[in-house]
Amino acid sequence: MKFKNLIFVLLFVVLVSSVNASIVGVSPSIARFPAMLKNGYAEMKATASTSFEVPLRAEIELQGEVGEWVSLRPDDYSFVFSRTDPYSFTIIMEPPEDVQNGNYTGILTITTNEIASVESGAGSSVIAQVGMLLFVEITGEEIIACRAGAIYATNTEVGEPFLVYATVQNDGNVRLRPEVQVKIYDQYQTKTLFTSTFFGPQVLPTLERQFSREVKQDLEVGQYFADIYLEDCGVNKRVTFDVLEKGQISDSGELVVIRTSDVVYAKETLLIQPMFKNSGNRKVVAQFKGEIRDLKTDKIIQVIESDALEVEPKETYEFKIFYVPEKAGEYQISGRVVYNNKITFEEKSKIVKVKNQGFSLGWLLLLILYLIIGLVILILIGKIRKARKTSRKGKKKIKWKF
């Protein structure tokens, strides 16, 4: 570590150790800005707090090598805070173009100077100081990394574009304009209808940004699916949206779960209960359609479907389907719900183990009872035979005299 960096670290330790923590504090105590580029950008949120009930005035001061690289948001180096009203601010780090690669340090200090409340005695001194150590690493390596979420597409009307939304967090050190590819499929996701590609807005390093973009379409009325792919982030999300008639209300529903037993015996009836939630604003006619697949052979052994029933808005309904497995094995029950010519977005599944019939406790007791009865019968038969033999021998020894 450079000698001047060591000086700032020691100064930081002195500040921290000398402050009465009950008066003023700052979080985080150390701000790290790793792998920054020359002329790069990064920011971090911080909060100053105090245990004082009355408002305190405080000043922010920047010292060290990185002091001139820092700006604050709000752009105000004087503020007022109290126990119930901490002060939050953002540290913006922008190294210059001519800085060399290496590690740099600085200290952000917060010093209280007076009580801000007139009622509590304005101008009286309440002096305390706390420091935040700033670490900055300058590198020549460009890093492209990001995360994406909150990805979806909106419903639209015939001839009108639909909107694609996404949120991108830039985890790299370069300014990023994420490329977004949208691939549209038919309702059963078997045919690609068209593809659209566009670039999102610029996202600075360390920042998160939500954006939307219109996608033109000439699709007919119906339900469609789309893969939304952000290449830089390596994220792909499949979503669904509707193309509606002018003024038409969009239906919305979800297959919540498929309920059934985890284990069942062959030749016994299995109750299958798919749970459907109508999250739309009008009544729908819903029907579960699915299949039972043998996981060992990966073959469909049974196509199943429920009765078509009306489900009221915001209502959750459990369908009831009965199935009798013929033999032991492991099976997967899967499917979707079809409602008002739409299908639920996510297919749900449930794995069931089917066992051969074994001896239950009742059968075991009955078997023992039969064995006991059989043993008693054998014993009785043996005694009867023995008695007959004895009787015959007795008859031969009798002599009749006249």
Protein backbone atom coordinates (compact mmCIF):
# COMPACT_ATOMS: atom_id res chain seq x y z
CA MET A 1 0.00 0.00 0.00
CA LYS A 2 1.25 3.48 -0.84
CA PHE A 3 2.47 5.59 2.08
CA LYS A 4 -0.17 8.28 1.50
CA ASN A 5 -2.90 5.62 1.40
CA LEU A 6 -1.66 4.31 4.73
CA ILE A 7 -1.89 7.81 6.19
CA PHE A 8 -5.57 8.03 5.22
CA VAL A 9 -6.35 4.60 6.64
CA LEU A 10 -4.73 5.61 9.97
CA LEU A 11 -6.68 8.88 9.93
CA PHE A 12 -9.86 6.91 9.32
CA VAL A 13 -9.14 4.64 12.31
CA VAL A 14 -8.54 7.67 14.53
CA LEU A 15 -11.83 9.22 13.42
CA VAL A 16 -13.82 6.05 14.03
CA SER A 17 -12.22 5.33 17.40
CA SER A 18 -12.64 8.87 18.68
CA VAL A 19 -16.32 9.32 17.84
CA ASN A 20 -19.06 8.73 20.34
CA ALA A 21 -21.15 6.30 18.28
CA SER A 22 -24.31 7.38 20.04
CA ILE A 23 -23.95 10.88 18.49
CA VAL A 24 -23.37 10.30 14.78
CA GLY A 25 -22.75 7.41 12.38
CA VAL A 26 -22.54 6.69 8.67
CA SER A 27 -23.38 3.54 6.72
CA PRO A 28 -21.55 1.95 5.05
CA SER A 29 -18.32 2.79 6.90
CA ILE A 30 -16.22 1.77 3.88
CA ALA A 31 -17.18 2.49 0.25
CA ARG A 32 -15.44 0.31 -2.33
CA PHE A 33 -15.40 1.05 -6.06
CA PRO A 34 -13.60 -1.93 -7.66
CA ALA A 35 -12.44 -2.35 -11.28
CA MET A 36 -13.29 1.16 -12.49
CA LEU A 37 -12.22 2.47 -15.88
CA LYS A 38 -10.54 5.81 -16.54
CA ASN A 39 -13.32 8.29 -17.23
CA GLY A 40 -15.67 5.67 -15.79
CA TYR A 41 -18.72 5.98 -13.58
CA ALA A 42 -20.01 4.36 -10.39
CA GLU A 43 -22.25 5.35 -7.53
CA MET A 44 -23.20 4.13 -4.06
CA LYS A 45 -25.92 5.11 -1.59
CA ALA A 46 -25.04 6.11 1.98
CA THR A 47 -26.92 7.19 5.11
CA ALA A 48 -25.90 9.47 7.96
CA SER A 49 -27.66 8.87 11.29
CA THR A 50 -27.64 10.19 14.84
CA SER A 51 -29.15 9.34 18.22
CA PHE A 52 -30.05 12.97 18.91
CA GLU A 53 -33.78 13.69 19.05
CA VAL A 54 -33.28 17.33 18.07
CA PRO A 55 -32.13 18.15 14.52
CA LEU A 56 -28.39 18.59 14.00
CA ARG A 57 -26.55 20.48 11.30
CA ALA A 58 -23.64 18.65 9.66
CA GLU A 59 -21.07 19.22 6.94
CA ILE A 60 -19.58 16.74 4.44
CA GLU A 61 -15.91 17.11 3.52
CA LEU A 62 -13.85 15.07 1.05
CA GLN A 63 -10.13 14.45 1.47
CA GLY A 64 -7.47 12.38 -0.26
CA GLU A 65 -6.57 11.29 -3.77
CA VAL A 66 -10.14 10.61 -4.85
CA GLY A 67 -11.65 13.73 -3.30
CA GLU A 68 -11.83 15.56 -6.63
CA TRP A 69 -13.38 12.55 -8.32
CA VAL A 70 -16.44 12.56 -6.07
CA SER A 71 -19.72 14.41 -6.39
CA LEU A 72 -22.84 14.03 -4.27
CA ARG A 73 -26.54 13.75 -4.94
CA PRO A 74 -28.21 15.88 -3.61
CA ASP A 75 -25.46 18.33 -4.50
CA ASP A 76 -25.39 19.81 -1.00
CA TYR A 77 -22.49 19.38 1.41
CA SER A 78 -24.48 20.75 4.36
CA PHE A 79 -27.56 19.00 5.75
CA VAL A 80 -29.81 18.56 8.79
CA PHE A 81 -30.67 15.20 10.36
CA SER A 82 -32.01 13.65 13.59
CA ARG A 83 -32.74 10.24 15.13
CA THR A 84 -36.11 9.98 13.37
CA ASP A 85 -34.94 11.66 10.16
CA PRO A 86 -31.59 10.25 8.91
CA TYR A 87 -29.96 11.80 5.85
CA SER A 88 -29.51 9.68 2.72
CA PHE A 89 -27.25 10.69 -0.13
CA THR A 90 -25.47 9.17 -3.14
CA ILE A 91 -21.70 9.13 -3.67
CA ILE A 92 -20.85 9.46 -7.38
CA MET A 93 -17.34 8.39 -8.38
CA GLU A 94 -15.92 9.59 -11.76
CA PRO A 95 -12.15 9.05 -12.18
CA PRO A 96 -10.45 11.32 -14.75
CA GLU A 97 -9.17 10.21 -18.14
CA ASP A 98 -5.49 10.71 -17.30
CA VAL A 99 -5.31 8.69 -14.06
CA GLN A 100 -2.97 5.69 -13.95
CA ASN A 101 -4.09 2.15 -13.18
CA GLY A 102 -3.81 1.35 -9.49
CA ASN A 103 -5.51 1.70 -6.10
CA TYR A 104 -6.55 5.04 -4.61
CA THR A 105 -8.08 6.11 -1.32
CA GLY A 106 -9.85 9.02 0.29
CA ILE A 107 -12.02 9.89 3.27
CA LEU A 108 -15.50 11.36 3.36
CA THR A 109 -16.02 13.00 6.77
CA ILE A 110 -19.27 14.13 8.35
CA THR A 111 -18.92 16.74 11.10
CA THR A 112 -21.77 18.10 13.20
CA ASN A 113 -21.48 21.75 14.23
CA GLU A 114 -24.69 22.97 15.85
CA ILE A 115 -28.22 22.13 16.91
CA ALA A 116 -30.52 23.14 14.07
CA SER A 117 -33.72 23.61 16.09
CA VAL A 118 -34.36 27.15 17.33
CA GLU A 119 -36.53 25.85 20.16
CA SER A 120 -33.68 23.63 21.35
CA GLY A 121 -31.09 26.41 21.33
CA ALA A 122 -29.85 27.31 17.87
CA GLY A 123 -26.15 27.94 17.68
CA SER A 124 -25.15 25.68 20.56
CA SER A 125 -22.31 23.33 19.62
CA VAL A 126 -22.74 19.56 19.33
CA ILE A 127 -19.47 18.57 17.69
CA ALA A 128 -18.87 15.02 16.52
CA GLN A 129 -17.15 13.60 13.48
CA VAL A 130 -17.27 10.29 11.64
CA GLY A 131 -15.44 9.13 8.52
CA MET A 132 -16.15 6.86 5.57
CA LEU A 133 -13.10 5.36 3.89
CA LEU A 134 -13.21 5.43 0.07
CA PHE A 135 -11.36 2.74 -1.93
CA VAL A 136 -11.09 3.04 -5.73
CA GLU A 137 -9.41 0.54 -8.08
CA ILE A 138 -8.55 1.77 -11.59
CA THR A 139 -8.13 -0.92 -14.25
CA GLY A 140 -7.74 -1.03 -18.01
CA GLU A 141 -9.98 -4.10 -18.42
CA GLU A 142 -13.50 -3.55 -19.72
CA ILE A 143 -16.09 -5.70 -17.95
CA ILE A 144 -19.53 -6.27 -19.49
CA ALA A 145 -21.93 -7.79 -16.96
CA CYS A 146 -25.57 -7.19 -16.15
CA ARG A 147 -28.73 -8.65 -14.68
CA ALA A 148 -32.25 -8.37 -16.08
CA GLY A 149 -35.68 -8.86 -14.55
CA ALA A 150 -39.28 -7.58 -14.46
CA ILE A 151 -39.62 -8.67 -18.11
CA TYR A 152 -43.11 -8.74 -19.60
CA ALA A 153 -45.26 -7.72 -22.57
CA THR A 154 -48.55 -5.81 -22.44
CA ASN A 155 -51.85 -6.68 -24.07
CA THR A 156 -52.82 -4.61 -27.08
CA GLU A 157 -55.60 -4.07 -29.61
CA VAL A 158 -55.72 -5.05 -33.26
CA GLY A 159 -53.27 -2.97 -35.31
CA GLU A 160 -51.69 -1.31 -32.26
CA PRO A 161 -48.13 -1.99 -31.03
CA PHE A 162 -47.58 -3.81 -27.75
CA LEU A 163 -45.04 -2.75 -25.12
CA VAL A 164 -42.06 -4.78 -23.91
CA TYR A 165 -40.77 -3.95 -20.42
CA ALA A 166 -37.47 -4.91 -18.78
CA THR A 167 -35.26 -3.79 -15.88
CA VAL A 168 -31.46 -3.96 -16.27
CA GLN A 169 -28.83 -3.71 -13.54
CA ASN A 170 -25.37 -2.86 -14.91
CA ASP A 171 -22.82 -4.88 -12.89
CA GLY A 172 -19.90 -4.15 -15.24
CA ASN A 173 -17.68 -1.09 -15.57
CA VAL A 174 -18.69 0.13 -19.05
CA ARG A 175 -21.73 2.07 -20.16
CA LEU A 176 -24.25 -0.42 -21.53
CA ARG A 177 -27.06 -0.27 -24.09
CA PRO A 178 -28.71 -3.69 -23.82
CA GLU A 179 -29.79 -5.35 -27.04
CA VAL A 180 -33.27 -6.87 -26.80
CA GLN A 181 -34.59 -9.53 -29.19
CA VAL A 182 -38.32 -10.33 -29.20
CA LYS A 183 -39.46 -13.53 -30.93
CA ILE A 184 -43.25 -13.99 -31.31
CA TYR A 185 -44.96 -17.43 -31.33
CA ASP A 186 -48.51 -18.64 -31.91
CA GLN A 187 -50.73 -19.73 -29.02
CA TYR A 188 -49.37 -23.28 -28.92
CA GLN A 189 -45.75 -22.09 -29.35
CA THR A 190 -45.18 -24.29 -32.40
CA LYS A 191 -44.67 -21.56 -35.03
CA THR A 192 -42.48 -18.44 -35.05
CA LEU A 193 -44.51 -15.52 -36.45
CA PHE A 194 -41.90 -12.72 -36.49
CA THR A 195 -38.85 -11.33 -34.68
CA SER A 196 -38.08 -7.76 -33.59
CA THR A 197 -34.76 -6.41 -32.26
CA PHE A 198 -34.02 -3.07 -30.57
CA PHE A 199 -31.56 -1.45 -28.14
CA GLY A 200 -32.52 -0.21 -24.71
CA PRO A 201 -31.36 3.12 -23.24
CA GLN A 202 -27.87 3.62 -21.82
CA VAL A 203 -27.37 2.17 -18.33
CA LEU A 204 -24.37 3.49 -16.40
CA PRO A 205 -22.20 1.12 -14.30
CA THR A 206 -23.66 0.25 -10.85
CA LEU A 207 -27.08 1.60 -11.89
CA GLU A 208 -30.44 -0.08 -12.48
CA ARG A 209 -32.89 1.17 -15.09
CA GLN A 210 -36.36 0.11 -16.19
CA PHE A 211 -37.37 0.79 -19.78
CA SER A 212 -40.04 -0.07 -22.31
CA ARG A 213 -40.23 -0.15 -26.08
CA GLU A 214 -43.11 -0.42 -28.58
CA VAL A 215 -43.14 -3.42 -30.92
CA LYS A 216 -45.25 -3.07 -34.06
CA GLN A 217 -47.53 -5.99 -34.95
CA ASP A 218 -50.26 -6.96 -37.43
CA LEU A 219 -51.51 -10.05 -35.58
CA GLU A 220 -55.08 -11.29 -35.52
CA VAL A 221 -57.16 -11.38 -32.35
CA GLY A 222 -55.88 -14.09 -30.02
CA GLN A 223 -53.30 -15.13 -27.49
CA TYR A 224 -49.57 -15.12 -28.31
CA PHE A 225 -46.29 -15.99 -26.63
CA ALA A 226 -42.94 -14.19 -26.88
CA ASP A 227 -39.33 -14.94 -25.98
CA ILE A 228 -37.64 -11.74 -24.77
CA TYR A 229 -33.86 -12.19 -24.87
CA LEU A 230 -31.26 -9.77 -23.49
CA GLU A 231 -27.96 -11.03 -24.91
CA ASP A 232 -25.58 -8.92 -22.76
CA CYS A 233 -27.23 -10.22 -19.57
CA GLY A 234 -27.73 -13.77 -20.86
CA VAL A 235 -31.40 -13.68 -19.83
CA ASN A 236 -34.32 -15.13 -21.78
CA LYS A 237 -37.91 -14.84 -20.55
CA ARG A 238 -41.01 -16.37 -22.16
CA VAL A 239 -44.14 -14.25 -21.70
CA THR A 240 -47.69 -14.19 -23.02
CA PHE A 241 -49.89 -11.34 -24.26
CA ASP A 242 -53.25 -10.84 -26.01
CA VAL A 243 -54.31 -9.04 -29.16
CA LEU A 244 -57.86 -7.84 -28.54
CA GLU A 245 -60.74 -6.35 -30.46
CA LYS A 246 -61.21 -2.61 -29.89
CA GLY A 247 -62.60 -2.18 -26.37
CA GLN A 248 -62.45 -5.89 -25.56
CA ILE A 249 -61.69 -7.01 -21.98
CA SER A 250 -58.72 -9.32 -21.60
CA ASP A 251 -59.19 -12.57 -19.68
CA SER A 252 -56.53 -13.70 -17.24
CA GLY A 253 -56.12 -17.01 -15.42
CA GLU A 254 -53.51 -19.21 -13.75
CA LEU A 255 -53.11 -22.92 -13.11
CA VAL A 256 -51.92 -22.64 -9.50
CA VAL A 257 -51.04 -26.26 -8.72
CA ILE A 258 -51.97 -29.88 -9.43
CA ARG A 259 -52.95 -31.64 -6.20
CA THR A 260 -52.81 -35.41 -5.88
CA SER A 261 -51.29 -38.17 -3.72
CA ASP A 262 -47.53 -38.66 -3.76
CA VAL A 263 -47.89 -42.45 -3.54
CA VAL A 264 -50.71 -44.73 -4.66
CA TYR A 265 -51.17 -48.49 -5.20
CA ALA A 266 -51.82 -50.05 -8.59
CA LYS A 267 -55.49 -50.74 -9.34
CA GLU A 268 -56.54 -48.09 -6.80
CA THR A 269 -58.35 -44.89 -7.83
CA LEU A 270 -56.16 -41.76 -7.90
CA LEU A 271 -57.85 -38.36 -7.41
CA ILE A 272 -56.23 -35.54 -9.47
CA GLN A 273 -57.19 -31.96 -8.52
CA PRO A 274 -55.84 -29.14 -10.75
CA MET A 275 -56.44 -25.73 -9.09
CA PHE A 276 -57.33 -22.84 -11.43
CA LYS A 277 -57.59 -19.16 -10.46
CA ASN A 278 -59.60 -16.74 -12.61
CA SER A 279 -57.68 -13.49 -12.03
CA GLY A 280 -59.61 -11.58 -14.71
CA ASN A 281 -62.68 -9.37 -14.40
CA ARG A 282 -65.24 -11.56 -16.12
CA LYS A 283 -66.55 -15.11 -15.94
CA VAL A 284 -64.69 -17.75 -17.98
CA VAL A 285 -65.40 -21.30 -19.09
CA ALA A 286 -62.39 -23.35 -18.02
CA GLN A 287 -61.25 -26.91 -18.66
CA PHE A 288 -58.10 -28.73 -17.57
CA LYS A 289 -56.31 -30.67 -20.32
CA GLY A 290 -53.26 -32.76 -19.62
CA GLU A 291 -51.46 -36.07 -19.87
CA ILE A 292 -49.95 -38.80 -17.73
CA ARG A 293 -46.45 -39.84 -18.79
CA ASP A 294 -44.48 -42.93 -17.77
CA LEU A 295 -41.12 -41.49 -16.69
CA LYS A 296 -39.30 -44.77 -17.29
CA THR A 297 -40.30 -45.08 -20.94
CA ASP A 298 -41.06 -41.35 -21.50
CA LYS A 299 -44.32 -42.33 -23.17
CA ILE A 300 -47.77 -40.83 -22.72
CA ILE A 301 -50.00 -43.52 -21.23
CA GLN A 302 -53.16 -41.48 -20.73
CA VAL A 303 -54.64 -38.18 -21.97
CA ILE A 304 -56.82 -36.62 -19.27
CA GLU A 305 -59.25 -33.72 -19.19
CA SER A 306 -61.85 -32.35 -16.81
CA ASP A 307 -65.38 -31.17 -17.44
CA ALA A 308 -65.71 -27.61 -18.78
CA LEU A 309 -67.02 -25.40 -15.98
CA GLU A 310 -67.77 -21.72 -15.40
CA VAL A 311 -65.42 -19.92 -13.00
CA GLU A 312 -66.42 -16.53 -11.62
CA PRO A 313 -64.01 -13.53 -11.57
CA LYS A 314 -61.35 -13.75 -8.81
CA GLU A 315 -62.57 -17.25 -7.94
CA THR A 316 -60.32 -20.30 -7.47
CA TYR A 317 -61.71 -23.69 -8.50
CA GLU A 318 -60.43 -27.26 -8.11
CA PHE A 319 -61.22 -29.66 -10.92
CA LYS A 320 -61.64 -33.37 -10.04
CA ILE A 321 -60.29 -36.07 -12.34
CA PHE A 322 -60.11 -39.78 -11.47
CA TYR A 323 -57.53 -42.19 -12.82
CA VAL A 324 -56.73 -45.85 -12.03
CA PRO A 325 -53.05 -46.77 -12.61
CA GLU A 326 -52.61 -50.28 -14.00
CA LYS A 327 -49.06 -51.07 -12.82
CA ALA A 328 -46.26 -49.91 -10.56
CA GLY A 329 -43.90 -47.15 -11.73
CA GLU A 330 -43.22 -43.43 -11.59
CA TYR A 331 -45.57 -41.16 -13.51
CA GLN A 332 -45.78 -37.43 -14.26
CA ILE A 333 -49.12 -35.67 -14.43
CA SER A 334 -48.92 -32.37 -16.36
CA GLY A 335 -51.17 -29.97 -18.19
CA ARG A 336 -52.71 -26.53 -18.61
CA VAL A 337 -56.14 -24.97 -18.31
CA VAL A 338 -57.96 -23.76 -21.43
CA TYR A 339 -60.28 -20.84 -20.66
CA ASN A 340 -62.23 -18.66 -23.10
CA ASN A 341 -59.93 -19.75 -25.98
CA LYS A 342 -56.79 -18.98 -23.98
CA ILE A 343 -54.36 -21.31 -22.22
CA THR A 344 -52.60 -20.76 -18.93
CA PHE A 345 -49.06 -19.46 -19.34
CA GLU A 346 -47.20 -22.03 -17.26
CA GLU A 347 -47.65 -25.78 -17.48
CA LYS A 348 -47.82 -27.42 -14.05
CA SER A 349 -46.82 -30.99 -13.22
CA LYS A 350 -46.84 -33.49 -10.39
CA ILE A 351 -44.93 -36.78 -10.00
CA VAL A 352 -46.72 -39.81 -8.51
CA LYS A 353 -45.20 -43.12 -7.45
CA VAL A 354 -47.37 -46.18 -8.04
CA LYS A 355 -46.62 -49.28 -5.94
CA ASN A 356 -47.79 -52.87 -6.22
CA GLN A 357 -50.32 -54.03 -3.66
CA GLY A 358 -48.57 -55.27 -0.50
CA PHE A 359 -49.79 -56.91 2.68
CA SER A 360 -51.58 -54.40 4.82
CA LEU A 361 -52.01 -54.91 8.58
CA GLY A 362 -55.56 -56.16 8.06
CA TRP A 363 -54.42 -58.76 5.54
CA LEU A 364 -51.61 -59.83 7.86
CA LEU A 365 -53.96 -60.31 10.83
CA LEU A 366 -56.38 -62.24 8.65
CA LEU A 367 -53.55 -64.48 7.41
CA ILE A 368 -52.44 -65.16 10.99
CA LEU A 369 -56.02 -66.00 11.94
CA TYR A 370 -56.29 -68.47 9.04
CA LEU A 371 -52.98 -70.07 10.05
CA ILE A 372 -54.15 -70.48 13.64
CA ILE A 373 -57.45 -72.02 12.51
CA GLY A 374 -55.60 -74.35 10.16
CA LEU A 375 -53.19 -75.38 12.93
CA VAL A 376 -56.08 -76.07 15.32
CA ILE A 377 -57.80 -78.18 12.68
CA LEU A 378 -54.59 -80.18 12.08
CA ILE A 379 -54.17 -80.77 15.83
CA LEU A 380 -57.80 -81.94 16.14
CA ILE A 381 -57.42 -84.26 13.16
CA GLY A 382 -54.29 -85.75 14.75
CA LYS A 383 -56.02 -86.34 18.07
CA ILE A 384 -59.01 -87.97 16.38
CA ARG A 385 -56.76 -90.36 14.46
CA LYS A 386 -54.86 -91.23 17.62
CA ALA A 387 -58.06 -91.89 19.52
CA ARG A 388 -59.30 -94.22 16.78
CA LYS A 389 -56.06 -96.22 16.82
CA THR A 390 -56.25 -96.63 20.59
CA SER A 391 -59.85 -97.73 20.37
CA ARG A 392 -59.01 -100.45 17.82
CA LYS A 393 -56.20 -101.88 19.94
CA GLY A 394 -58.52 -102.03 22.96
CA LYS A 395 -61.08 -104.05 21.04
CA LYS A 396 -58.54 -106.77 20.08
CA LYS A 397 -57.59 -107.42 23.74
CA ILE A 398 -61.19 -108.16 24.92
CA LYS A 399 -62.02 -111.85 25.47
CA TRP A 400 -65.65 -112.91 25.70
CA LYS A 401 -66.56 -115.78 28.09
CA PHE A 402 -69.91 -117.61 28.23
